[in-house]
Amino acid sequence: MAKEEGIVTKIGINTAWVKTTRTSACEGCSAKSSCHALGGVNEMEVEAINAAGAQVNDRIVLSLKTSSLLKATFLLYMFPILCMIAGAVIGHHLSQVFNFNESILPAIFGFSCFVLALMFIRSKGKKMAQNDQYKPKIIRILQKGDRKAFAPDHTKSNL
C-alpha cells in the first residue's frame, strides 16, 4: 500500500480534504485530476474517503492500494505506447499487402492508435476516479488537531 501523511483541511459528508506533499507516487494515480495544487509546487490538496472519522486539523495517514496504483500506472504509461506499436505493426503489414509506402502507413496507424489510446485513457480515468477503489483513504489519525481555532467564541459581546 502506498501511504502518505497529511493534515485535514475540510470535511465533507463521507470524505475529507487533506493537505499533503506531492510525491512520485502521485504521477500514476488515476485520481490525480481531483488533487489541487496549493501555494507551493509540492503541496497539494486531495479528497479522500474519511474511513477513520478524522476532523479538521487532524494529522492523518492516507493509503492507496498498490494494485490500484499499478493498474493506473499501466494505463497511463504503458497502454498508449503498446497501442502505438500495435498500430505501427498493423500499418506495416497493410503497407505490404496494399503496396503502399512502408514508412507513411505505419506512422499514420501508429499515431492514430496512440490518439485513440489517449481518448480511451481519458474516459476510463474519469470512471476510475468515481470508483472508491481508486480513491485515497484515511486509515489512521496520527494526532488530533486543535479544534478551538475553529470554534466560535460565545464569550464576546457584540454590543
N, C-alpha and C. Protein backbone atom coordinates (compact mmCIF):
# COMPACT_ATOMS: atom_id res chain seq x y z
N MET A 1 0.84 -1.19 0.00
CA MET A 1 0.00 0.00 0.00
C MET A 1 0.88 1.25 0.00
N ALA A 2 0.49 2.20 -0.82
CA ALA A 2 1.17 3.49 -0.82
C ALA A 2 0.57 4.33 0.31
N LYS A 3 1.43 4.91 1.14
CA LYS A 3 0.95 5.69 2.29
C LYS A 3 1.58 7.07 2.27
N GLU A 4 0.80 8.05 2.67
CA GLU A 4 1.25 9.43 2.78
C GLU A 4 0.65 10.04 4.04
N GLU A 5 1.34 11.00 4.61
CA GLU A 5 0.82 11.73 5.77
C GLU A 5 0.30 13.08 5.30
N GLY A 6 -0.70 13.60 6.01
CA GLY A 6 -1.24 14.90 5.67
C GLY A 6 -2.05 15.47 6.82
N ILE A 7 -2.61 16.65 6.59
CA ILE A 7 -3.43 17.34 7.58
C ILE A 7 -4.79 17.63 6.95
N VAL A 8 -5.86 17.29 7.67
CA VAL A 8 -7.22 17.50 7.18
C VAL A 8 -7.52 19.00 7.20
N THR A 9 -8.02 19.51 6.07
CA THR A 9 -8.35 20.94 5.97
C THR A 9 -9.85 21.19 5.93
N LYS A 10 -10.61 20.25 5.34
CA LYS A 10 -12.07 20.39 5.25
C LYS A 10 -12.71 19.01 5.40
N ILE A 11 -13.94 19.01 5.83
CA ILE A 11 -14.69 17.76 5.99
C ILE A 11 -15.92 17.81 5.09
N GLY A 12 -16.16 16.70 4.37
CA GLY A 12 -17.36 16.55 3.56
C GLY A 12 -18.30 15.55 4.23
N ILE A 13 -19.23 14.99 3.46
CA ILE A 13 -20.18 14.02 4.02
C ILE A 13 -19.46 12.74 4.42
N ASN A 14 -18.82 12.07 3.48
CA ASN A 14 -18.05 10.85 3.78
C ASN A 14 -16.58 11.02 3.41
N THR A 15 -16.20 12.22 3.08
CA THR A 15 -14.84 12.48 2.63
C THR A 15 -14.21 13.61 3.44
N ALA A 16 -12.92 13.76 3.25
CA ALA A 16 -12.19 14.87 3.87
C ALA A 16 -11.15 15.36 2.87
N TRP A 17 -10.88 16.65 2.89
CA TRP A 17 -9.83 17.22 2.06
C TRP A 17 -8.55 17.24 2.89
N VAL A 18 -7.49 16.70 2.32
CA VAL A 18 -6.24 16.54 3.05
C VAL A 18 -5.13 17.29 2.32
N LYS A 19 -4.39 18.11 3.08
CA LYS A 19 -3.23 18.81 2.55
C LYS A 19 -2.01 17.92 2.77
N THR A 20 -1.30 17.63 1.70
CA THR A 20 -0.14 16.76 1.79
C THR A 20 0.93 17.23 0.81
N THR A 21 2.05 16.54 0.82
CA THR A 21 3.15 16.88 -0.08
C THR A 21 3.13 15.92 -1.27
N ARG A 22 3.20 16.46 -2.48
CA ARG A 22 3.17 15.65 -3.69
C ARG A 22 4.45 14.82 -3.78
N THR A 23 4.30 13.53 -4.08
CA THR A 23 5.44 12.64 -4.24
C THR A 23 5.40 11.99 -5.61
N SER A 24 6.38 11.15 -5.91
CA SER A 24 6.42 10.47 -7.20
C SER A 24 5.26 9.49 -7.34
N ALA A 25 4.70 9.02 -6.25
CA ALA A 25 3.57 8.09 -6.31
C ALA A 25 2.34 8.75 -6.92
N CYS A 26 2.28 10.07 -6.89
CA CYS A 26 1.14 10.79 -7.43
C CYS A 26 1.05 10.71 -8.95
N GLU A 27 2.17 10.54 -9.62
CA GLU A 27 2.17 10.56 -11.07
C GLU A 27 1.31 9.46 -11.68
N GLY A 28 1.25 8.30 -11.07
CA GLY A 28 0.47 7.20 -11.63
C GLY A 28 -0.95 7.12 -11.11
N CYS A 29 -1.35 8.05 -10.29
CA CYS A 29 -2.66 7.98 -9.67
C CYS A 29 -3.76 8.40 -10.63
N SER A 30 -4.81 7.58 -10.72
CA SER A 30 -5.91 7.91 -11.62
C SER A 30 -6.73 9.08 -11.08
N ALA A 31 -6.64 9.38 -9.82
CA ALA A 31 -7.40 10.46 -9.22
C ALA A 31 -6.59 11.73 -9.11
N LYS A 32 -5.47 11.80 -9.78
CA LYS A 32 -4.64 12.99 -9.62
C LYS A 32 -5.31 14.25 -10.17
N SER A 33 -6.30 14.07 -11.05
CA SER A 33 -7.02 15.23 -11.54
C SER A 33 -7.89 15.86 -10.46
N SER A 34 -8.21 15.11 -9.41
CA SER A 34 -9.00 15.66 -8.32
C SER A 34 -8.13 16.30 -7.25
N CYS A 35 -6.81 16.20 -7.40
CA CYS A 35 -5.89 16.86 -6.48
C CYS A 35 -5.73 18.31 -6.92
N HIS A 36 -5.58 19.18 -5.98
CA HIS A 36 -5.46 20.60 -6.29
C HIS A 36 -4.16 21.14 -5.72
N ALA A 37 -3.36 21.73 -6.58
CA ALA A 37 -2.09 22.30 -6.14
C ALA A 37 -2.37 23.50 -5.25
N LEU A 38 -1.58 23.63 -4.21
CA LEU A 38 -1.70 24.77 -3.30
C LEU A 38 -0.59 25.76 -3.60
N GLY A 39 -0.26 26.60 -2.65
CA GLY A 39 0.74 27.65 -2.83
C GLY A 39 2.08 27.14 -3.31
N GLY A 40 2.60 26.08 -2.69
CA GLY A 40 3.89 25.54 -3.08
C GLY A 40 3.77 24.56 -4.23
N VAL A 41 4.89 24.31 -4.88
CA VAL A 41 4.89 23.39 -6.01
C VAL A 41 4.61 21.97 -5.54
N ASN A 42 5.13 21.58 -4.40
CA ASN A 42 4.98 20.22 -3.91
C ASN A 42 3.78 20.01 -3.00
N GLU A 43 3.09 21.08 -2.64
CA GLU A 43 1.92 20.93 -1.79
C GLU A 43 0.68 20.70 -2.64
N MET A 44 -0.20 19.83 -2.15
CA MET A 44 -1.45 19.60 -2.86
C MET A 44 -2.55 19.28 -1.86
N GLU A 45 -3.77 19.36 -2.33
CA GLU A 45 -4.91 19.02 -1.51
C GLU A 45 -5.70 17.96 -2.27
N VAL A 46 -6.00 16.86 -1.59
CA VAL A 46 -6.67 15.73 -2.23
C VAL A 46 -7.90 15.35 -1.41
N GLU A 47 -8.95 14.94 -2.10
CA GLU A 47 -10.15 14.46 -1.43
C GLU A 47 -9.98 12.97 -1.16
N ALA A 48 -10.19 12.55 0.07
CA ALA A 48 -10.00 11.16 0.47
C ALA A 48 -11.23 10.66 1.22
N ILE A 49 -11.44 9.36 1.16
CA ILE A 49 -12.52 8.73 1.92
C ILE A 49 -12.15 8.80 3.40
N ASN A 50 -13.05 9.30 4.21
CA ASN A 50 -12.77 9.51 5.64
C ASN A 50 -13.19 8.28 6.45
N ALA A 51 -12.45 7.18 6.28
CA ALA A 51 -12.77 5.92 6.96
C ALA A 51 -12.44 5.98 8.46
N ALA A 52 -11.53 6.86 8.86
CA ALA A 52 -11.10 6.93 10.26
C ALA A 52 -11.89 7.96 11.07
N GLY A 53 -12.76 8.71 10.43
CA GLY A 53 -13.53 9.73 11.15
C GLY A 53 -12.70 10.93 11.56
N ALA A 54 -11.76 11.33 10.73
CA ALA A 54 -10.89 12.46 11.05
C ALA A 54 -11.67 13.78 11.02
N GLN A 55 -11.14 14.76 11.76
CA GLN A 55 -11.72 16.10 11.81
C GLN A 55 -10.69 17.11 11.32
N VAL A 56 -11.12 18.35 11.14
CA VAL A 56 -10.24 19.41 10.67
C VAL A 56 -9.04 19.56 11.59
N ASN A 57 -7.87 19.73 11.03
CA ASN A 57 -6.57 19.91 11.69
C ASN A 57 -5.96 18.62 12.22
N ASP A 58 -6.60 17.47 12.02
CA ASP A 58 -6.00 16.20 12.43
C ASP A 58 -4.87 15.84 11.48
N ARG A 59 -3.78 15.31 12.03
CA ARG A 59 -2.69 14.78 11.22
C ARG A 59 -3.00 13.31 10.98
N ILE A 60 -3.07 12.91 9.70
CA ILE A 60 -3.58 11.58 9.36
C ILE A 60 -2.64 10.84 8.40
N VAL A 61 -2.97 9.57 8.16
CA VAL A 61 -2.25 8.76 7.17
C VAL A 61 -3.24 8.39 6.08
N LEU A 62 -2.87 8.70 4.83
CA LEU A 62 -3.64 8.33 3.65
C LEU A 62 -3.08 7.03 3.10
N SER A 63 -3.93 6.22 2.50
CA SER A 63 -3.49 4.97 1.92
C SER A 63 -4.17 4.76 0.57
N LEU A 64 -3.44 4.15 -0.37
CA LEU A 64 -3.99 3.77 -1.66
C LEU A 64 -3.46 2.38 -1.96
N LYS A 65 -4.36 1.46 -2.35
CA LYS A 65 -3.96 0.09 -2.63
C LYS A 65 -2.92 0.04 -3.74
N THR A 66 -1.93 -0.81 -3.56
CA THR A 66 -0.87 -0.95 -4.57
C THR A 66 -1.42 -1.47 -5.88
N SER A 67 -2.38 -2.39 -5.83
CA SER A 67 -2.95 -2.93 -7.07
C SER A 67 -3.64 -1.82 -7.87
N SER A 68 -4.33 -0.93 -7.20
CA SER A 68 -4.98 0.19 -7.88
C SER A 68 -3.94 1.13 -8.48
N LEU A 69 -2.87 1.36 -7.74
CA LEU A 69 -1.80 2.23 -8.22
C LEU A 69 -1.13 1.62 -9.45
N LEU A 70 -0.89 0.32 -9.43
CA LEU A 70 -0.27 -0.36 -10.57
C LEU A 70 -1.17 -0.35 -11.80
N LYS A 71 -2.47 -0.57 -11.61
CA LYS A 71 -3.41 -0.53 -12.74
C LYS A 71 -3.41 0.85 -13.38
N ALA A 72 -3.48 1.86 -12.55
CA ALA A 72 -3.50 3.23 -13.06
C ALA A 72 -2.18 3.58 -13.75
N THR A 73 -1.07 3.14 -13.19
CA THR A 73 0.24 3.41 -13.79
C THR A 73 0.36 2.72 -15.15
N PHE A 74 -0.07 1.47 -15.24
CA PHE A 74 -0.03 0.75 -16.52
C PHE A 74 -0.89 1.47 -17.54
N LEU A 75 -2.09 1.85 -17.16
CA LEU A 75 -2.99 2.53 -18.09
C LEU A 75 -2.41 3.85 -18.57
N LEU A 76 -1.76 4.56 -17.69
CA LEU A 76 -1.24 5.88 -18.03
C LEU A 76 0.04 5.83 -18.85
N TYR A 77 0.95 4.91 -18.55
CA TYR A 77 2.25 4.90 -19.20
C TYR A 77 2.42 3.84 -20.28
N MET A 78 2.00 2.61 -20.00
CA MET A 78 2.28 1.51 -20.92
C MET A 78 1.26 1.38 -22.04
N PHE A 79 -0.01 1.53 -21.72
CA PHE A 79 -1.07 1.31 -22.70
C PHE A 79 -0.91 2.17 -23.96
N PRO A 80 -0.66 3.48 -23.87
CA PRO A 80 -0.52 4.27 -25.10
C PRO A 80 0.66 3.82 -25.97
N ILE A 81 1.76 3.44 -25.34
CA ILE A 81 2.93 3.01 -26.11
C ILE A 81 2.65 1.68 -26.80
N LEU A 82 2.01 0.75 -26.10
CA LEU A 82 1.66 -0.53 -26.71
C LEU A 82 0.69 -0.35 -27.87
N CYS A 83 -0.27 0.55 -27.71
CA CYS A 83 -1.21 0.83 -28.81
C CYS A 83 -0.49 1.44 -30.01
N MET A 84 0.45 2.34 -29.76
CA MET A 84 1.19 2.95 -30.85
C MET A 84 2.02 1.90 -31.60
N ILE A 85 2.67 1.01 -30.87
CA ILE A 85 3.47 -0.05 -31.50
C ILE A 85 2.57 -0.98 -32.31
N ALA A 86 1.43 -1.37 -31.73
CA ALA A 86 0.49 -2.25 -32.44
C ALA A 86 -0.02 -1.58 -33.71
N GLY A 87 -0.33 -0.30 -33.64
CA GLY A 87 -0.78 0.44 -34.83
C GLY A 87 0.29 0.49 -35.91
N ALA A 88 1.53 0.69 -35.50
CA ALA A 88 2.64 0.73 -36.46
C ALA A 88 2.84 -0.64 -37.12
N VAL A 89 2.73 -1.71 -36.36
CA VAL A 89 2.88 -3.06 -36.91
C VAL A 89 1.75 -3.36 -37.90
N ILE A 90 0.52 -3.00 -37.52
CA ILE A 90 -0.63 -3.20 -38.42
C ILE A 90 -0.43 -2.37 -39.69
N GLY A 91 0.00 -1.14 -39.53
CA GLY A 91 0.26 -0.27 -40.69
C GLY A 91 1.35 -0.83 -41.59
N HIS A 92 2.37 -1.42 -41.00
CA HIS A 92 3.46 -2.01 -41.79
C HIS A 92 2.95 -3.20 -42.61
N HIS A 93 2.15 -4.05 -41.98
CA HIS A 93 1.60 -5.21 -42.70
C HIS A 93 0.64 -4.77 -43.80
N LEU A 94 -0.19 -3.77 -43.52
CA LEU A 94 -1.11 -3.28 -44.54
C LEU A 94 -0.37 -2.61 -45.70
N SER A 95 0.73 -1.94 -45.41
CA SER A 95 1.50 -1.31 -46.48
C SER A 95 2.11 -2.34 -47.42
N GLN A 96 2.46 -3.51 -46.90
CA GLN A 96 2.99 -4.58 -47.75
C GLN A 96 1.87 -5.24 -48.56
N VAL A 97 0.71 -5.41 -47.94
CA VAL A 97 -0.43 -6.04 -48.64
C VAL A 97 -0.94 -5.15 -49.76
N PHE A 98 -1.07 -3.84 -49.51
CA PHE A 98 -1.62 -2.92 -50.49
C PHE A 98 -0.56 -2.17 -51.29
N ASN A 99 0.71 -2.54 -51.09
CA ASN A 99 1.84 -1.96 -51.83
C ASN A 99 1.92 -0.44 -51.67
N PHE A 100 1.78 0.04 -50.39
CA PHE A 100 1.95 1.47 -50.08
C PHE A 100 3.38 1.71 -49.60
N ASN A 101 3.70 2.97 -49.41
CA ASN A 101 4.98 3.37 -48.84
C ASN A 101 5.10 2.77 -47.44
N GLU A 102 6.21 2.07 -47.17
CA GLU A 102 6.38 1.36 -45.90
C GLU A 102 6.73 2.27 -44.73
N SER A 103 6.83 3.55 -44.95
CA SER A 103 7.11 4.49 -43.86
C SER A 103 5.87 5.28 -43.46
N ILE A 104 5.06 5.65 -44.42
CA ILE A 104 3.94 6.54 -44.15
C ILE A 104 2.79 5.82 -43.44
N LEU A 105 2.38 4.67 -43.97
CA LEU A 105 1.23 3.97 -43.39
C LEU A 105 1.48 3.51 -41.94
N PRO A 106 2.63 2.96 -41.60
CA PRO A 106 2.86 2.63 -40.19
C PRO A 106 2.84 3.86 -39.27
N ALA A 107 3.36 4.98 -39.77
CA ALA A 107 3.35 6.21 -38.97
C ALA A 107 1.92 6.70 -38.74
N ILE A 108 1.10 6.64 -39.78
CA ILE A 108 -0.29 7.09 -39.65
C ILE A 108 -1.06 6.18 -38.70
N PHE A 109 -0.92 4.87 -38.87
CA PHE A 109 -1.63 3.93 -37.99
C PHE A 109 -1.11 4.01 -36.56
N GLY A 110 0.20 4.13 -36.38
CA GLY A 110 0.77 4.23 -35.05
C GLY A 110 0.28 5.47 -34.32
N PHE A 111 0.31 6.61 -35.01
CA PHE A 111 -0.15 7.86 -34.40
C PHE A 111 -1.65 7.80 -34.11
N SER A 112 -2.43 7.23 -35.03
CA SER A 112 -3.88 7.12 -34.83
C SER A 112 -4.21 6.25 -33.62
N CYS A 113 -3.53 5.13 -33.48
CA CYS A 113 -3.77 4.25 -32.33
C CYS A 113 -3.35 4.93 -31.03
N PHE A 114 -2.28 5.72 -31.09
CA PHE A 114 -1.83 6.45 -29.90
C PHE A 114 -2.90 7.46 -29.46
N VAL A 115 -3.46 8.20 -30.40
CA VAL A 115 -4.51 9.18 -30.09
C VAL A 115 -5.75 8.48 -29.55
N LEU A 116 -6.14 7.36 -30.16
CA LEU A 116 -7.29 6.60 -29.67
C LEU A 116 -7.04 6.10 -28.24
N ALA A 117 -5.82 5.68 -27.95
CA ALA A 117 -5.47 5.22 -26.61
C ALA A 117 -5.60 6.36 -25.60
N LEU A 118 -5.17 7.55 -25.97
CA LEU A 118 -5.28 8.71 -25.07
C LEU A 118 -6.74 9.05 -24.80
N MET A 119 -7.58 8.96 -25.84
CA MET A 119 -9.01 9.22 -25.65
C MET A 119 -9.63 8.16 -24.73
N PHE A 120 -9.22 6.91 -24.89
CA PHE A 120 -9.70 5.83 -24.03
C PHE A 120 -9.27 6.06 -22.59
N ILE A 121 -8.02 6.46 -22.40
CA ILE A 121 -7.49 6.72 -21.05
C ILE A 121 -8.26 7.84 -20.38
N ARG A 122 -8.59 8.86 -21.13
CA ARG A 122 -9.33 9.99 -20.57
C ARG A 122 -10.71 9.54 -20.06
N SER A 123 -11.42 8.77 -20.87
CA SER A 123 -12.75 8.33 -20.45
C SER A 123 -12.66 7.29 -19.32
N LYS A 124 -11.71 6.38 -19.41
CA LYS A 124 -11.52 5.36 -18.38
C LYS A 124 -11.08 6.00 -17.05
N GLY A 125 -10.23 7.02 -17.15
CA GLY A 125 -9.74 7.72 -15.95
C GLY A 125 -10.87 8.40 -15.20
N LYS A 126 -11.83 8.97 -15.93
CA LYS A 126 -12.98 9.61 -15.27
C LYS A 126 -13.82 8.57 -14.53
N LYS A 127 -13.99 7.40 -15.13
CA LYS A 127 -14.75 6.33 -14.47
C LYS A 127 -13.99 5.80 -13.25
N MET A 128 -12.68 5.66 -13.39
CA MET A 128 -11.87 5.16 -12.29
C MET A 128 -11.87 6.14 -11.11
N ALA A 129 -11.91 7.43 -11.41
CA ALA A 129 -11.90 8.45 -10.36
C ALA A 129 -13.18 8.39 -9.53
N GLN A 130 -14.27 7.90 -10.11
CA GLN A 130 -15.53 7.77 -9.38
C GLN A 130 -15.58 6.51 -8.51
N ASN A 131 -14.72 5.55 -8.79
CA ASN A 131 -14.68 4.28 -8.06
C ASN A 131 -13.87 4.45 -6.78
N ASP A 132 -14.45 4.06 -5.65
CA ASP A 132 -13.77 4.20 -4.35
C ASP A 132 -12.47 3.41 -4.27
N GLN A 133 -12.33 2.37 -5.08
CA GLN A 133 -11.12 1.55 -5.07
C GLN A 133 -9.90 2.38 -5.49
N TYR A 134 -10.11 3.40 -6.29
CA TYR A 134 -9.02 4.21 -6.81
C TYR A 134 -8.86 5.54 -6.06
N LYS A 135 -9.61 5.72 -4.99
CA LYS A 135 -9.51 6.94 -4.20
C LYS A 135 -8.64 6.68 -2.97
N PRO A 136 -7.87 7.67 -2.55
CA PRO A 136 -7.13 7.51 -1.30
C PRO A 136 -8.10 7.43 -0.13
N LYS A 137 -7.65 6.77 0.94
CA LYS A 137 -8.49 6.53 2.11
C LYS A 137 -7.72 6.93 3.36
N ILE A 138 -8.38 7.63 4.27
CA ILE A 138 -7.77 7.96 5.56
C ILE A 138 -7.88 6.71 6.42
N ILE A 139 -6.72 6.14 6.78
CA ILE A 139 -6.74 4.88 7.53
C ILE A 139 -6.40 5.06 9.01
N ARG A 140 -5.76 6.17 9.36
CA ARG A 140 -5.36 6.34 10.75
C ARG A 140 -5.17 7.82 11.08
N ILE A 141 -5.54 8.18 12.29
CA ILE A 141 -5.30 9.53 12.79
C ILE A 141 -4.04 9.48 13.64
N LEU A 142 -3.03 10.24 13.26
CA LEU A 142 -1.76 10.26 14.00
C LEU A 142 -1.83 11.19 15.19
N GLN A 143 -2.47 12.35 14.99
CA GLN A 143 -2.52 13.35 16.06
C GLN A 143 -3.78 14.18 15.88
N LYS A 144 -4.53 14.31 16.96
CA LYS A 144 -5.73 15.15 16.92
C LYS A 144 -5.31 16.60 16.81
N GLY A 145 -6.05 17.36 16.00
CA GLY A 145 -5.74 18.76 15.80
C GLY A 145 -6.40 19.65 16.82
N ASP A 146 -6.06 20.93 16.78
CA ASP A 146 -6.62 21.93 17.68
C ASP A 146 -7.99 22.36 17.15
N ARG A 147 -9.05 21.97 17.84
CA ARG A 147 -10.41 22.29 17.41
C ARG A 147 -10.83 23.70 17.85
N LYS A 148 -10.13 24.25 18.84
CA LYS A 148 -10.50 25.55 19.37
C LYS A 148 -10.32 26.67 18.35
N ALA A 149 -9.40 26.47 17.42
CA ALA A 149 -9.14 27.50 16.43
C ALA A 149 -10.36 27.76 15.55
N PHE A 150 -11.23 26.76 15.42
CA PHE A 150 -12.39 26.89 14.55
C PHE A 150 -13.70 27.00 15.31
N ALA A 151 -13.65 26.91 16.64
CA ALA A 151 -14.87 27.01 17.45
C ALA A 151 -15.27 28.47 17.60
N PRO A 152 -16.55 28.78 17.48
CA PRO A 152 -16.98 30.17 17.66
C PRO A 152 -16.81 30.60 19.11
N ASP A 153 -16.46 31.86 19.29
CA ASP A 153 -16.25 32.39 20.63
C ASP A 153 -17.54 33.05 21.09
N HIS A 154 -18.25 32.41 22.04
CA HIS A 154 -19.53 32.92 22.51
C HIS A 154 -19.36 33.83 23.74
N THR A 155 -18.14 34.04 24.18
CA THR A 155 -17.94 34.87 25.38
C THR A 155 -17.91 36.34 25.08
N LYS A 156 -17.66 36.70 23.81
CA LYS A 156 -17.59 38.11 23.46
C LYS A 156 -18.98 38.65 23.17
N SER A 157 -19.21 39.88 23.54
CA SER A 157 -20.49 40.53 23.28
C SER A 157 -20.39 41.35 22.02
N ASN A 158 -21.46 41.42 21.26
CA ASN A 158 -21.48 42.20 20.03
C ASN A 158 -21.91 43.63 20.30
N LEU A 159 -22.07 44.03 21.55
CA LEU A 159 -22.52 45.39 21.88
C LEU A 159 -21.44 46.37 21.86
